[in-house]
N, C-alpha and C. Protein backbone atom coordinates (compact mmCIF):
# COMPACT_ATOMS: atom_id res chain seq x y z
N MET A 1 0.85 -1.17 0.00
CA MET A 1 0.00 0.00 0.00
C MET A 1 0.90 1.24 0.00
N TYR A 2 0.64 2.16 -0.92
CA TYR A 2 1.42 3.38 -1.02
C TYR A 2 0.50 4.58 -0.84
N ASN A 3 0.78 5.43 0.10
CA ASN A 3 -0.02 6.64 0.36
C ASN A 3 -1.50 6.33 0.52
N GLY A 4 -1.79 5.19 1.12
CA GLY A 4 -3.19 4.83 1.36
C GLY A 4 -3.91 4.34 0.13
N ILE A 5 -3.18 4.07 -0.97
CA ILE A 5 -3.80 3.63 -2.21
C ILE A 5 -3.33 2.22 -2.50
N GLY A 6 -4.21 1.38 -2.96
CA GLY A 6 -3.82 0.04 -3.37
C GLY A 6 -4.10 -1.01 -2.33
N LEU A 7 -3.49 -2.16 -2.53
CA LEU A 7 -3.71 -3.30 -1.66
C LEU A 7 -2.72 -3.28 -0.50
N SER A 8 -3.15 -3.81 0.64
CA SER A 8 -2.21 -3.92 1.77
C SER A 8 -1.20 -5.02 1.47
N THR A 9 -1.60 -6.05 0.76
CA THR A 9 -0.69 -7.10 0.33
C THR A 9 -1.17 -7.64 -1.01
N PRO A 10 -0.25 -7.93 -1.92
CA PRO A 10 -0.67 -8.43 -3.23
C PRO A 10 -1.02 -9.91 -3.23
N ARG A 11 -0.88 -10.56 -2.10
CA ARG A 11 -1.13 -12.00 -2.05
C ARG A 11 -2.60 -12.31 -2.37
N GLY A 12 -2.78 -13.22 -3.29
CA GLY A 12 -4.11 -13.69 -3.64
C GLY A 12 -4.90 -12.76 -4.55
N SER A 13 -4.34 -11.62 -4.94
CA SER A 13 -5.08 -10.68 -5.79
C SER A 13 -4.87 -10.94 -7.27
N GLY A 14 -3.87 -11.70 -7.62
CA GLY A 14 -3.58 -11.95 -9.03
C GLY A 14 -2.83 -10.81 -9.68
N THR A 15 -2.32 -9.86 -8.90
CA THR A 15 -1.54 -8.73 -9.43
C THR A 15 -0.17 -8.75 -8.81
N ASN A 16 0.70 -7.90 -9.33
CA ASN A 16 2.04 -7.82 -8.77
C ASN A 16 2.14 -6.80 -7.64
N GLY A 17 1.09 -6.05 -7.37
CA GLY A 17 1.07 -5.13 -6.25
C GLY A 17 1.47 -3.71 -6.60
N TYR A 18 1.99 -3.48 -7.83
CA TYR A 18 2.37 -2.11 -8.21
C TYR A 18 1.11 -1.28 -8.47
N VAL A 19 1.14 -0.03 -8.03
CA VAL A 19 0.03 0.89 -8.25
C VAL A 19 0.34 1.67 -9.52
N VAL A 20 -0.54 1.58 -10.49
CA VAL A 20 -0.33 2.22 -11.79
C VAL A 20 -1.53 3.10 -12.08
N ARG A 21 -1.24 4.26 -12.68
CA ARG A 21 -2.31 5.19 -13.06
C ARG A 21 -3.10 4.63 -14.24
N ASN A 22 -4.40 4.83 -14.24
CA ASN A 22 -5.26 4.39 -15.34
C ASN A 22 -5.09 5.34 -16.50
N LEU A 23 -4.38 4.92 -17.55
CA LEU A 23 -4.11 5.79 -18.69
C LEU A 23 -5.27 5.82 -19.69
N SER A 24 -6.25 4.95 -19.56
CA SER A 24 -7.36 4.92 -20.50
C SER A 24 -8.47 5.90 -20.11
N PHE A 25 -8.41 6.47 -18.94
CA PHE A 25 -9.44 7.40 -18.50
C PHE A 25 -9.19 8.78 -19.12
N VAL A 26 -10.19 9.31 -19.77
CA VAL A 26 -10.08 10.64 -20.38
C VAL A 26 -10.93 11.59 -19.55
N ARG A 27 -10.30 12.60 -19.03
CA ARG A 27 -11.04 13.56 -18.22
C ARG A 27 -11.84 14.49 -19.11
N PRO A 28 -13.04 14.83 -18.71
CA PRO A 28 -13.81 15.78 -19.52
C PRO A 28 -13.18 17.16 -19.40
N PRO A 29 -13.30 17.98 -20.45
CA PRO A 29 -12.72 19.32 -20.40
C PRO A 29 -13.40 20.15 -19.33
N PRO A 30 -12.66 21.04 -18.72
CA PRO A 30 -13.29 21.90 -17.70
C PRO A 30 -14.31 22.83 -18.34
N THR A 31 -15.44 22.99 -17.67
CA THR A 31 -16.49 23.87 -18.20
C THR A 31 -16.72 25.00 -17.23
N ASP A 32 -16.86 26.16 -17.80
CA ASP A 32 -17.20 27.34 -17.00
C ASP A 32 -18.71 27.55 -17.09
N ARG A 33 -19.25 28.10 -16.07
CA ARG A 33 -20.67 28.42 -16.07
C ARG A 33 -20.96 29.47 -17.13
N ASN A 34 -20.04 30.40 -17.36
CA ASN A 34 -20.24 31.45 -18.35
C ASN A 34 -20.30 30.88 -19.76
N ASP A 35 -19.50 29.85 -20.05
CA ASP A 35 -19.51 29.26 -21.38
C ASP A 35 -20.85 28.61 -21.68
N ARG A 36 -21.43 27.93 -20.70
CA ARG A 36 -22.71 27.26 -20.92
C ARG A 36 -23.82 28.28 -21.15
N LEU A 37 -23.75 29.41 -20.45
CA LEU A 37 -24.80 30.42 -20.60
C LEU A 37 -24.69 31.16 -21.92
N SER A 38 -23.46 31.37 -22.41
CA SER A 38 -23.29 32.17 -23.61
C SER A 38 -23.85 31.49 -24.85
N SER A 39 -23.94 30.13 -24.86
CA SER A 39 -24.50 29.45 -26.02
C SER A 39 -26.00 29.70 -26.14
N HIS A 40 -26.66 30.07 -25.04
CA HIS A 40 -28.09 30.32 -25.07
C HIS A 40 -28.41 31.82 -25.01
N ASP A 41 -27.40 32.64 -25.03
CA ASP A 41 -27.59 34.07 -24.95
C ASP A 41 -27.88 34.61 -26.35
N PHE A 42 -29.09 35.06 -26.59
CA PHE A 42 -29.47 35.53 -27.91
C PHE A 42 -28.98 36.94 -28.20
N LYS A 43 -28.50 37.63 -27.18
CA LYS A 43 -28.00 38.98 -27.38
C LYS A 43 -26.51 38.96 -27.72
N ALA A 44 -25.91 37.80 -27.67
CA ALA A 44 -24.49 37.70 -27.99
C ALA A 44 -24.29 37.98 -29.47
N PRO A 45 -23.17 38.58 -29.85
CA PRO A 45 -22.94 38.88 -31.27
C PRO A 45 -22.78 37.60 -32.07
N MET A 46 -23.25 37.64 -33.31
CA MET A 46 -23.14 36.49 -34.19
C MET A 46 -21.68 36.29 -34.57
N PRO A 47 -21.27 35.06 -34.76
CA PRO A 47 -19.88 34.82 -35.18
C PRO A 47 -19.66 35.40 -36.57
N GLU A 48 -18.48 35.92 -36.78
CA GLU A 48 -18.17 36.56 -38.05
C GLU A 48 -18.00 35.50 -39.12
N ILE A 49 -18.67 35.68 -40.24
CA ILE A 49 -18.57 34.75 -41.36
C ILE A 49 -17.46 35.25 -42.28
N ARG A 50 -16.52 34.38 -42.54
CA ARG A 50 -15.39 34.77 -43.39
C ARG A 50 -15.86 34.91 -44.83
N GLN A 51 -15.47 36.00 -45.44
CA GLN A 51 -15.83 36.26 -46.82
C GLN A 51 -14.90 35.49 -47.75
N PRO A 52 -15.42 35.05 -48.91
CA PRO A 52 -14.55 34.33 -49.85
C PRO A 52 -13.54 35.28 -50.48
N ASN A 53 -12.38 34.76 -50.79
CA ASN A 53 -11.33 35.54 -51.43
C ASN A 53 -11.71 35.75 -52.90
N GLN A 54 -11.88 37.00 -53.30
CA GLN A 54 -12.34 37.31 -54.64
C GLN A 54 -11.30 36.94 -55.70
N GLU A 55 -10.02 37.02 -55.36
CA GLU A 55 -8.98 36.66 -56.32
C GLU A 55 -9.04 35.17 -56.65
N ILE A 56 -9.31 34.36 -55.65
CA ILE A 56 -9.41 32.91 -55.88
C ILE A 56 -10.64 32.60 -56.72
N LEU A 57 -11.74 33.31 -56.47
CA LEU A 57 -12.95 33.09 -57.25
C LEU A 57 -12.75 33.52 -58.70
N LEU A 58 -12.04 34.65 -58.91
CA LEU A 58 -11.75 35.11 -60.26
C LEU A 58 -10.86 34.10 -60.98
N HIS A 59 -9.87 33.58 -60.27
CA HIS A 59 -8.98 32.59 -60.86
C HIS A 59 -9.76 31.34 -61.28
N ASP A 60 -10.71 30.93 -60.46
CA ASP A 60 -11.52 29.76 -60.77
C ASP A 60 -12.38 30.01 -62.01
N ARG A 61 -12.93 31.23 -62.13
CA ARG A 61 -13.73 31.56 -63.32
C ARG A 61 -12.86 31.58 -64.57
N LYS A 62 -11.63 32.11 -64.44
CA LYS A 62 -10.72 32.12 -65.59
C LYS A 62 -10.35 30.70 -66.01
N ARG A 63 -10.22 29.81 -65.03
CA ARG A 63 -9.94 28.41 -65.36
C ARG A 63 -11.10 27.80 -66.13
N LYS A 64 -12.33 28.14 -65.75
CA LYS A 64 -13.50 27.62 -66.46
C LYS A 64 -13.50 28.11 -67.92
N VAL A 65 -13.11 29.36 -68.12
CA VAL A 65 -13.03 29.92 -69.47
C VAL A 65 -11.99 29.16 -70.28
N GLU A 66 -10.82 28.92 -69.69
CA GLU A 66 -9.76 28.22 -70.41
C GLU A 66 -10.14 26.78 -70.71
N VAL A 67 -10.91 26.14 -69.81
CA VAL A 67 -11.37 24.78 -70.07
C VAL A 67 -12.30 24.76 -71.28
N GLN A 68 -13.20 25.74 -71.37
CA GLN A 68 -14.10 25.81 -72.52
C GLN A 68 -13.32 26.07 -73.80
N CYS A 69 -12.27 26.91 -73.71
CA CYS A 69 -11.45 27.18 -74.89
C CYS A 69 -10.70 25.93 -75.34
N MET A 70 -10.19 25.16 -74.38
CA MET A 70 -9.48 23.93 -74.74
C MET A 70 -10.43 22.91 -75.35
N GLU A 71 -11.65 22.83 -74.83
CA GLU A 71 -12.63 21.91 -75.40
C GLU A 71 -12.95 22.28 -76.84
N LEU A 72 -13.10 23.57 -77.10
CA LEU A 72 -13.37 24.03 -78.47
C LEU A 72 -12.17 23.72 -79.36
N GLN A 73 -10.97 23.95 -78.86
CA GLN A 73 -9.77 23.70 -79.66
C GLN A 73 -9.66 22.22 -80.02
N ILE A 74 -9.91 21.34 -79.09
CA ILE A 74 -9.84 19.89 -79.36
C ILE A 74 -10.91 19.49 -80.36
N GLU A 75 -12.10 20.08 -80.20
CA GLU A 75 -13.20 19.77 -81.12
C GLU A 75 -12.86 20.21 -82.54
N LEU A 76 -12.28 21.41 -82.67
CA LEU A 76 -11.92 21.92 -83.99
C LEU A 76 -10.76 21.14 -84.60
N GLU A 77 -9.82 20.69 -83.77
CA GLU A 77 -8.71 19.89 -84.28
C GLU A 77 -9.22 18.55 -84.80
N ASP A 78 -10.23 17.98 -84.14
CA ASP A 78 -10.80 16.72 -84.60
C ASP A 78 -11.53 16.89 -85.92
N GLU A 79 -12.06 18.10 -86.16
CA GLU A 79 -12.73 18.37 -87.43
C GLU A 79 -11.73 18.56 -88.55
N GLY A 80 -10.47 18.83 -88.25
CA GLY A 80 -9.43 18.95 -89.26
C GLY A 80 -9.23 20.37 -89.78
N LEU A 81 -9.58 21.38 -89.01
CA LEU A 81 -9.36 22.77 -89.44
C LEU A 81 -7.89 23.13 -89.31
N SER A 82 -7.48 24.19 -90.00
CA SER A 82 -6.08 24.62 -89.95
C SER A 82 -5.79 25.31 -88.60
N GLU A 83 -4.52 25.39 -88.27
CA GLU A 83 -4.10 25.98 -86.99
C GLU A 83 -4.55 27.43 -86.87
N ASP A 84 -4.48 28.20 -87.96
CA ASP A 84 -4.86 29.62 -87.92
C ASP A 84 -6.36 29.78 -87.63
N GLU A 85 -7.18 28.96 -88.30
CA GLU A 85 -8.63 29.04 -88.08
C GLU A 85 -8.98 28.64 -86.64
N ILE A 86 -8.31 27.60 -86.16
CA ILE A 86 -8.56 27.15 -84.79
C ILE A 86 -8.20 28.25 -83.80
N GLU A 87 -7.02 28.83 -83.95
CA GLU A 87 -6.56 29.88 -83.03
C GLU A 87 -7.49 31.09 -83.07
N GLU A 88 -7.97 31.43 -84.27
CA GLU A 88 -8.88 32.58 -84.41
C GLU A 88 -10.21 32.33 -83.68
N LYS A 89 -10.79 31.14 -83.86
CA LYS A 89 -12.07 30.83 -83.22
C LYS A 89 -11.92 30.70 -81.71
N VAL A 90 -10.81 30.13 -81.26
CA VAL A 90 -10.58 29.99 -79.82
C VAL A 90 -10.39 31.36 -79.19
N GLN A 91 -9.66 32.23 -79.88
CA GLN A 91 -9.44 33.59 -79.35
C GLN A 91 -10.75 34.37 -79.31
N GLU A 92 -11.58 34.16 -80.30
CA GLU A 92 -12.90 34.83 -80.32
C GLU A 92 -13.76 34.36 -79.13
N LEU A 93 -13.77 33.06 -78.88
CA LEU A 93 -14.51 32.53 -77.74
C LEU A 93 -13.93 33.06 -76.43
N ARG A 94 -12.62 33.10 -76.33
CA ARG A 94 -11.97 33.56 -75.09
C ARG A 94 -12.33 35.01 -74.80
N THR A 95 -12.30 35.88 -75.80
CA THR A 95 -12.64 37.30 -75.56
C THR A 95 -14.11 37.44 -75.19
N ARG A 96 -14.99 36.66 -75.84
CA ARG A 96 -16.42 36.73 -75.53
C ARG A 96 -16.69 36.27 -74.09
N LEU A 97 -16.02 35.21 -73.67
CA LEU A 97 -16.23 34.71 -72.31
C LEU A 97 -15.59 35.63 -71.27
N ASN A 98 -14.45 36.22 -71.61
CA ASN A 98 -13.78 37.13 -70.65
C ASN A 98 -14.58 38.40 -70.44
N LYS A 99 -15.36 38.83 -71.45
CA LYS A 99 -16.23 40.00 -71.27
C LYS A 99 -17.29 39.73 -70.22
N ASN A 100 -17.81 38.52 -70.22
CA ASN A 100 -18.90 38.15 -69.32
C ASN A 100 -18.41 37.32 -68.14
N ILE A 101 -17.15 37.48 -67.75
CA ILE A 101 -16.58 36.64 -66.69
C ILE A 101 -17.24 36.91 -65.34
N ASP A 102 -17.73 38.13 -65.13
CA ASP A 102 -18.39 38.44 -63.86
C ASP A 102 -19.76 37.79 -63.75
N LYS A 103 -20.33 37.40 -64.88
CA LYS A 103 -21.66 36.79 -64.86
C LYS A 103 -21.62 35.29 -64.66
N ILE A 104 -20.42 34.72 -64.63
CA ILE A 104 -20.30 33.28 -64.37
C ILE A 104 -20.59 33.06 -62.90
N LEU A 105 -21.68 32.40 -62.61
CA LEU A 105 -22.11 32.19 -61.23
C LEU A 105 -21.48 30.93 -60.67
N PRO A 106 -21.24 30.93 -59.37
CA PRO A 106 -20.73 29.70 -58.76
C PRO A 106 -21.80 28.62 -58.79
N ARG A 107 -21.34 27.39 -58.79
CA ARG A 107 -22.27 26.26 -58.78
C ARG A 107 -22.98 26.21 -57.44
N ASP A 108 -23.95 25.31 -57.36
CA ASP A 108 -24.69 25.11 -56.11
C ASP A 108 -23.73 24.63 -55.03
N ALA A 109 -23.92 25.08 -53.82
CA ALA A 109 -23.00 24.75 -52.72
C ALA A 109 -22.95 23.26 -52.46
N LYS A 110 -24.02 22.55 -52.72
CA LYS A 110 -24.06 21.11 -52.47
C LYS A 110 -23.23 20.34 -53.49
N ASP A 111 -23.03 20.90 -54.69
CA ASP A 111 -22.30 20.21 -55.74
C ASP A 111 -20.79 20.37 -55.62
N LEU A 112 -20.34 21.32 -54.80
CA LEU A 112 -18.92 21.60 -54.70
C LEU A 112 -18.22 20.62 -53.77
N MET A 113 -16.94 20.44 -54.01
CA MET A 113 -16.13 19.54 -53.20
C MET A 113 -15.79 20.23 -51.88
N GLU A 114 -15.35 19.44 -50.92
CA GLU A 114 -15.05 19.96 -49.59
C GLU A 114 -13.87 20.93 -49.60
N HIS A 115 -12.90 20.71 -50.50
CA HIS A 115 -11.71 21.56 -50.53
C HIS A 115 -11.95 22.89 -51.24
N GLU A 116 -13.08 23.05 -51.90
CA GLU A 116 -13.41 24.30 -52.59
C GLU A 116 -14.12 25.25 -51.63
N THR A 117 -13.40 25.70 -50.63
CA THR A 117 -14.02 26.46 -49.55
C THR A 117 -14.49 27.84 -50.00
N HIS A 118 -13.72 28.52 -50.81
CA HIS A 118 -14.11 29.87 -51.24
C HIS A 118 -15.33 29.81 -52.15
N GLN A 119 -15.36 28.82 -53.03
CA GLN A 119 -16.51 28.67 -53.92
C GLN A 119 -17.76 28.30 -53.12
N ARG A 120 -17.59 27.44 -52.11
CA ARG A 120 -18.73 27.06 -51.27
C ARG A 120 -19.25 28.26 -50.48
N THR A 121 -18.33 29.08 -49.98
CA THR A 121 -18.74 30.25 -49.22
C THR A 121 -19.50 31.23 -50.11
N ALA A 122 -19.01 31.43 -51.33
CA ALA A 122 -19.67 32.35 -52.25
C ALA A 122 -21.06 31.83 -52.64
N ALA A 123 -21.16 30.53 -52.91
CA ALA A 123 -22.45 29.95 -53.27
C ALA A 123 -23.42 30.03 -52.09
N LYS A 124 -22.91 29.79 -50.90
CA LYS A 124 -23.77 29.85 -49.71
C LYS A 124 -24.23 31.29 -49.46
N GLU A 125 -23.37 32.25 -49.75
CA GLU A 125 -23.73 33.66 -49.59
C GLU A 125 -24.89 34.02 -50.53
N ILE A 126 -24.82 33.57 -51.76
CA ILE A 126 -25.90 33.83 -52.72
C ILE A 126 -27.19 33.14 -52.27
N GLU A 127 -27.04 31.91 -51.77
CA GLU A 127 -28.20 31.17 -51.27
C GLU A 127 -28.84 31.88 -50.08
N ASN A 128 -28.02 32.41 -49.18
CA ASN A 128 -28.53 33.13 -48.02
C ASN A 128 -29.25 34.41 -48.43
N LYS A 129 -28.71 35.11 -49.44
CA LYS A 129 -29.37 36.33 -49.92
C LYS A 129 -30.74 36.02 -50.50
N LYS A 130 -30.84 34.91 -51.25
CA LYS A 130 -32.14 34.51 -51.80
C LYS A 130 -33.13 34.20 -50.68
N MET A 131 -32.65 33.50 -49.66
CA MET A 131 -33.53 33.14 -48.55
C MET A 131 -33.98 34.39 -47.78
N MET A 132 -33.06 35.34 -47.57
CA MET A 132 -33.42 36.57 -46.87
C MET A 132 -34.45 37.35 -47.67
N LYS A 133 -34.29 37.35 -48.99
CA LYS A 133 -35.25 38.06 -49.84
C LYS A 133 -36.61 37.36 -49.79
N ALA A 134 -36.60 36.04 -49.79
CA ALA A 134 -37.86 35.29 -49.76
C ALA A 134 -38.60 35.50 -48.45
N LEU A 135 -37.84 35.61 -47.35
CA LEU A 135 -38.46 35.78 -46.04
C LEU A 135 -38.63 37.26 -45.67
N ASN A 136 -38.25 38.15 -46.59
CA ASN A 136 -38.37 39.60 -46.40
C ASN A 136 -37.61 40.05 -45.15
N ILE A 137 -36.37 39.61 -45.04
CA ILE A 137 -35.52 39.96 -43.92
C ILE A 137 -34.52 41.03 -44.38
N LYS A 138 -34.47 42.10 -43.65
CA LYS A 138 -33.50 43.17 -43.96
C LYS A 138 -32.20 42.84 -43.26
N LYS A 139 -31.10 43.17 -43.90
CA LYS A 139 -29.79 42.91 -43.30
C LYS A 139 -29.56 43.88 -42.17
N ALA A 140 -29.28 43.35 -40.99
CA ALA A 140 -29.06 44.18 -39.80
C ALA A 140 -27.62 44.65 -39.79
N ASP A 141 -27.42 45.96 -39.83
CA ASP A 141 -26.06 46.53 -39.79
C ASP A 141 -25.84 47.28 -38.52
């Protein structure tokens, strides 16, 4: 027995008598009374929602434009057009799409992959605006 803990003698217990700390026990995290109350406090400020990075969104839209240009180029090459005609038509498509690059909307938030965080945030923002408009909610500033 050590410090009043354990067996007075290990005889007949099936153990070697050493006192060992239970390493499998996980202590619950300490909780403050204030933390529990703040989750139910409706006057608490809303958590700040991070805005999507516009440069990353622009880069993604430019990639979509280039993918469409490459698809057109491959299609025209399969048709057997000359290099000059292909380059001219691809450049025409690229300028037309680049003019309207701001109108390329993000896909639905549910269709996006988990790693596309900025695109998901932008899509969710548009979805929230539609919902606020449908419910006639004014943005509180």
